Amino acid sequence: MTTRLLSPDELEAALRQIGAERYHSQHPFHKLMYQGKLSRAQLQAWALNRYYYQCRIPAKDATLIARLPTPELRRAWRRRLHDHDGDEPNTGGIARWLQLTDGLGLDRDYVVSTAGLLPITRFAVDAYVDIVRDRSILEGIASCLTELFSPTIIAERVGGMLANYDFITAATLDYFRPRLDQAPMDAEFALAYVKQQACTPEQQEAVLAVLRTKCDILWAMLDALHLAYVEPGMIPPGAFVPSGR
């Protein structure tokens, strides 16, 4: 609990410490992934469920843009919509994620329908959008700061998957290449905003708390995947069932 006003650098250090402790790069499911210990079916389940997160990011960003008070802030945040939605069909991050699910052998219409999601996936992702809609603008922007930590997880994921799965190619993982540039740029803008605008101990604590919550959301999504598709294998009714199971 923050009881005194932190300097901007102290606040940044506290945010980065949350990532070191709570970011889902520490999750056993992620470690199994980049170590090459998941089956194709388990990777399909991950890609299918993660699609819902990817496709809701623009909704989250559009919600925040509608709340931002200045043209300068709206223009800066609008870049994120371009990155994920693209300028035309079959461009942008969502299209590249569908390239990944295609490469893993999933039916595209089934993926886009989101019919096979784990219940926790839908609940967790919708909770993230709700944070941006319902909490303060400062908290909405701070919730995006998990992007500070994403280059490390992307590097582990891409390197490990290319090295350990012969059915995955660089083209399959094309989603991640631009994110190595986009995520740090987005995180730098959000971090600067938070360091400038969190001016009281209460605001700083809210910023730290919402980043913990966002890390919890990402962790819970991998918890659900592990329970359903690794151990003990409890797939909920209606969720994706790999072929041959």
Protein backbone atom coordinates (compact mmCIF):
# COMPACT_ATOMS: atom_id res chain seq x y z
CA MET A 1 0.00 0.00 0.00
CA THR A 2 1.42 3.41 -1.01
CA THR A 3 1.35 5.68 2.05
CA ARG A 4 3.58 8.49 0.75
CA LEU A 5 3.96 10.23 -2.57
CA LEU A 6 6.50 8.39 -4.68
CA SER A 7 8.77 10.21 -7.08
CA PRO A 8 8.08 9.44 -10.75
CA ASP A 9 11.12 7.18 -10.86
CA GLU A 10 10.04 5.38 -7.68
CA LEU A 11 6.59 4.86 -9.17
CA GLU A 12 8.11 3.39 -12.33
CA ALA A 13 10.28 1.07 -10.24
CA ALA A 14 7.23 -0.11 -8.30
CA LEU A 15 5.35 -0.77 -11.54
CA ARG A 16 8.24 -2.74 -12.97
CA GLN A 17 8.48 -4.76 -9.76
CA ILE A 18 4.86 -5.82 -10.20
CA GLY A 19 5.74 -7.10 -13.66
CA ALA A 20 8.77 -8.99 -12.34
CA GLU A 21 6.59 -10.73 -9.76
CA ARG A 22 3.22 -11.15 -11.49
CA TYR A 23 3.54 -11.06 -15.27
CA HIS A 24 2.45 -14.26 -16.96
CA SER A 25 5.92 -14.91 -18.34
CA GLN A 26 6.33 -16.68 -14.98
CA HIS A 27 3.34 -18.98 -15.56
CA PRO A 28 3.97 -22.74 -15.98
CA PHE A 29 1.86 -22.85 -19.15
CA HIS A 30 4.04 -20.21 -20.83
CA LYS A 31 7.17 -22.08 -19.79
CA LEU A 32 5.82 -25.32 -21.24
CA MET A 33 5.06 -23.44 -24.45
CA TYR A 34 8.49 -22.02 -25.16
CA GLN A 35 10.23 -25.16 -23.92
CA GLY A 36 8.45 -27.17 -26.61
CA LYS A 37 6.47 -29.30 -24.15
CA LEU A 38 2.96 -28.59 -25.40
CA SER A 39 1.17 -30.61 -28.05
CA ARG A 40 -0.28 -29.10 -31.21
CA ALA A 41 -3.75 -29.47 -29.66
CA GLN A 42 -2.69 -27.56 -26.55
CA LEU A 43 -1.24 -24.78 -28.69
CA GLN A 44 -4.49 -24.68 -30.64
CA ALA A 45 -6.40 -24.18 -27.40
CA TRP A 46 -4.07 -21.34 -26.41
CA ALA A 47 -4.32 -19.58 -29.79
CA LEU A 48 -8.10 -19.98 -29.89
CA ASN A 49 -8.59 -18.49 -26.44
CA ARG A 50 -6.01 -15.76 -26.90
CA TYR A 51 -7.85 -14.65 -30.04
CA TYR A 52 -10.62 -13.29 -27.84
CA TYR A 53 -8.11 -11.10 -26.00
CA GLN A 54 -6.67 -9.88 -29.31
CA CYS A 55 -10.04 -9.07 -30.85
CA ARG A 56 -11.25 -7.17 -27.78
CA ILE A 57 -8.17 -4.94 -27.54
CA PRO A 58 -9.53 -2.51 -30.17
CA ALA A 59 -12.84 -2.36 -28.28
CA LYS A 60 -10.89 -1.51 -25.14
CA ASP A 61 -8.90 1.17 -26.96
CA ALA A 62 -11.95 2.67 -28.65
CA THR A 63 -13.66 2.84 -25.26
CA LEU A 64 -10.71 4.72 -23.81
CA ILE A 65 -10.42 7.06 -26.81
CA ALA A 66 -14.06 8.09 -26.32
CA ARG A 67 -13.21 9.15 -22.77
CA LEU A 68 -9.96 11.03 -23.44
CA PRO A 69 -10.36 14.79 -22.98
CA THR A 70 -7.99 16.23 -25.61
CA PRO A 71 -7.32 15.79 -29.33
CA GLU A 72 -3.65 15.22 -28.54
CA LEU A 73 -4.39 12.24 -26.32
CA ARG A 74 -6.95 10.82 -28.72
CA ARG A 75 -4.54 11.07 -31.67
CA ALA A 76 -1.80 9.37 -29.69
CA TRP A 77 -4.04 6.51 -28.57
CA ARG A 78 -5.64 6.11 -31.99
CA ARG A 79 -2.44 4.51 -33.28
CA ARG A 80 -3.34 1.40 -31.30
CA LEU A 81 -6.54 0.93 -33.29
CA HIS A 82 -4.54 1.06 -36.49
CA ASP A 83 -2.06 -1.48 -35.17
CA HIS A 84 -4.74 -4.03 -34.28
CA ASP A 85 -7.53 -3.37 -36.80
CA GLY A 86 -5.38 -2.30 -39.74
CA ASP A 87 -6.46 0.12 -42.46
CA GLU A 88 -8.26 -2.43 -44.62
CA PRO A 89 -9.31 -6.09 -44.52
CA ASN A 90 -6.57 -8.64 -43.78
CA THR A 91 -4.22 -6.10 -42.24
CA GLY A 92 -3.38 -5.40 -38.61
CA GLY A 93 -2.79 -7.50 -35.54
CA ILE A 94 -6.11 -9.35 -35.49
CA ALA A 95 -5.60 -10.52 -39.08
CA ARG A 96 -2.10 -11.70 -38.20
CA TRP A 97 -3.45 -13.59 -35.18
CA LEU A 98 -5.87 -15.41 -37.47
CA GLN A 99 -2.86 -16.29 -39.62
CA LEU A 100 -1.48 -17.97 -36.50
CA THR A 101 -4.67 -19.93 -35.82
CA ASP A 102 -4.80 -20.91 -39.50
CA GLY A 103 -1.23 -22.17 -39.26
CA LEU A 104 -2.13 -24.30 -36.27
CA GLY A 105 -4.93 -25.95 -38.24
CA LEU A 106 -7.96 -24.30 -36.64
CA ASP A 107 -11.05 -23.47 -38.65
CA ARG A 108 -11.15 -19.68 -39.02
CA ASP A 109 -14.92 -19.36 -38.78
CA TYR A 110 -14.87 -21.35 -35.56
CA VAL A 111 -12.13 -19.14 -34.10
CA VAL A 112 -13.92 -15.92 -35.03
CA SER A 113 -17.20 -17.19 -33.60
CA THR A 114 -15.53 -17.50 -30.14
CA ALA A 115 -17.88 -20.43 -29.53
CA GLY A 116 -15.14 -22.60 -28.08
CA LEU A 117 -13.78 -20.21 -25.48
CA LEU A 118 -13.13 -21.27 -21.93
CA PRO A 119 -15.55 -19.45 -19.60
CA ILE A 120 -12.67 -17.86 -17.69
CA THR A 121 -11.24 -16.46 -20.91
CA ARG A 122 -14.44 -14.59 -21.73
CA PHE A 123 -14.91 -13.43 -18.14
CA ALA A 124 -11.31 -12.23 -17.76
CA VAL A 125 -11.10 -10.38 -21.08
CA ASP A 126 -14.48 -8.72 -20.57
CA ALA A 127 -13.32 -7.65 -17.10
CA TYR A 128 -10.36 -5.91 -18.72
CA VAL A 129 -12.63 -3.95 -21.06
CA ASP A 130 -14.84 -3.08 -18.07
CA ILE A 131 -11.84 -1.62 -16.22
CA VAL A 132 -11.14 0.77 -19.07
CA ARG A 133 -14.83 1.70 -19.36
CA ASP A 134 -15.69 2.11 -15.68
CA ARG A 135 -12.60 3.26 -13.82
CA SER A 136 -10.70 6.53 -14.08
CA ILE A 137 -8.85 7.45 -17.27
CA LEU A 138 -5.62 7.21 -15.29
CA GLU A 139 -6.41 3.62 -14.29
CA GLY A 140 -7.51 2.77 -17.82
CA ILE A 141 -4.18 3.90 -19.21
CA ALA A 142 -2.23 2.24 -16.39
CA SER A 143 -3.95 -1.08 -17.07
CA CYS A 144 -2.14 -1.17 -20.42
CA LEU A 145 1.29 -1.07 -18.79
CA THR A 146 1.73 -4.82 -19.05
CA GLU A 147 3.15 -3.81 -22.45
CA LEU A 148 6.27 -2.83 -20.52
CA PHE A 149 6.98 -6.52 -20.06
CA SER A 150 5.78 -7.98 -23.35
CA PRO A 151 9.05 -7.88 -25.36
CA THR A 152 10.56 -10.50 -23.04
CA ILE A 153 7.62 -12.89 -23.30
CA ILE A 154 7.43 -12.40 -27.07
CA ALA A 155 11.11 -13.20 -27.50
CA GLU A 156 10.79 -16.34 -25.37
CA ARG A 157 7.61 -17.43 -27.13
CA VAL A 158 8.80 -16.91 -30.69
CA GLY A 159 12.29 -18.28 -30.18
CA GLY A 160 11.10 -21.32 -28.28
CA MET A 161 8.24 -22.15 -30.62
CA LEU A 162 10.37 -21.90 -33.76
CA ALA A 163 13.07 -24.03 -32.17
CA ASN A 164 10.81 -26.72 -30.73
CA TYR A 165 7.76 -27.20 -32.96
CA ASP A 166 8.36 -28.37 -36.52
CA PHE A 167 4.78 -27.48 -37.52
CA ILE A 168 5.29 -23.77 -36.71
CA THR A 169 6.97 -21.39 -39.14
CA ALA A 170 8.07 -17.77 -38.97
CA ALA A 171 5.05 -16.86 -41.10
CA THR A 172 2.73 -18.50 -38.57
CA LEU A 173 4.16 -16.23 -35.87
CA ASP A 174 4.09 -13.06 -37.97
CA TYR A 175 1.79 -11.40 -35.41
CA PHE A 176 4.65 -10.98 -32.97
CA ARG A 177 7.20 -9.27 -35.24
CA PRO A 178 5.63 -5.77 -35.28
CA ARG A 179 4.69 -6.05 -31.61
CA LEU A 180 8.39 -5.90 -30.72
CA ASP A 181 8.30 -2.27 -31.89
CA GLN A 182 4.68 -1.35 -31.20
CA ALA A 183 4.47 -2.53 -27.59
CA PRO A 184 7.51 -0.58 -26.30
CA MET A 185 6.30 2.58 -28.08
CA ASP A 186 2.82 2.22 -26.59
CA ALA A 187 4.23 1.42 -23.15
CA GLU A 188 6.54 4.45 -23.22
CA PHE A 189 3.60 6.77 -23.89
CA ALA A 190 1.40 5.20 -21.19
CA LEU A 191 4.21 5.17 -18.64
CA ALA A 192 5.00 8.84 -19.22
CA TYR A 193 1.33 9.71 -18.79
CA VAL A 194 0.99 7.73 -15.57
CA LYS A 195 4.18 9.17 -14.06
CA GLN A 196 2.96 12.69 -14.81
CA GLN A 197 -0.69 12.32 -13.82
CA ALA A 198 -0.49 10.15 -10.69
CA CYS A 199 0.05 13.09 -8.35
CA THR A 200 -1.22 11.79 -5.00
CA PRO A 201 -0.53 8.66 -2.97
CA GLU A 202 -4.10 7.55 -3.64
CA GLN A 203 -3.71 7.92 -7.40
CA GLN A 204 -0.39 6.09 -7.33
CA GLU A 205 -1.89 3.25 -5.34
CA ALA A 206 -4.76 3.02 -7.83
CA VAL A 207 -2.23 2.79 -10.67
CA LEU A 208 -0.28 0.03 -8.93
CA ALA A 209 -3.47 -1.83 -8.02
CA VAL A 210 -4.85 -1.81 -11.56
CA LEU A 211 -1.58 -3.13 -12.96
CA ARG A 212 -1.73 -5.98 -10.44
CA THR A 213 -5.30 -6.66 -11.57
CA LYS A 214 -4.28 -6.69 -15.23
CA CYS A 215 -1.48 -9.15 -14.45
CA ASP A 216 -4.02 -11.27 -12.56
CA ILE A 217 -6.28 -11.28 -15.63
CA LEU A 218 -3.51 -12.56 -17.89
CA TRP A 219 -2.45 -15.12 -15.27
CA ALA A 220 -6.01 -16.38 -14.84
CA MET A 221 -6.31 -16.97 -18.58
CA LEU A 222 -3.29 -19.28 -18.50
CA ASP A 223 -4.55 -20.95 -15.32
CA ALA A 224 -7.73 -21.87 -17.17
CA LEU A 225 -5.79 -23.24 -20.15
CA HIS A 226 -3.56 -25.32 -17.90
CA LEU A 227 -6.48 -26.77 -15.97
CA ALA A 228 -8.46 -27.59 -19.10
CA TYR A 229 -5.77 -28.81 -21.48
CA VAL A 230 -2.72 -29.84 -19.41
CA GLU A 231 -3.54 -30.99 -15.88
CA PRO A 232 -6.02 -32.33 -14.85
CA GLY A 233 -7.68 -31.88 -18.24
CA MET A 234 -11.06 -30.55 -17.13
CA ILE A 235 -12.55 -29.06 -20.31
CA PRO A 236 -15.77 -27.18 -19.49
CA PRO A 237 -18.96 -27.94 -21.42
CA GLY A 238 -19.02 -26.14 -24.76
CA ALA A 239 -15.33 -25.31 -24.80
CA PHE A 240 -12.95 -26.36 -27.58
CA VAL A 241 -12.19 -30.09 -27.56
CA PRO A 242 -9.10 -31.05 -29.59
CA SER A 243 -9.65 -33.64 -32.31
CA GLY A 244 -8.89 -37.17 -31.22
CA ARG A 245 -9.83 -36.53 -27.61
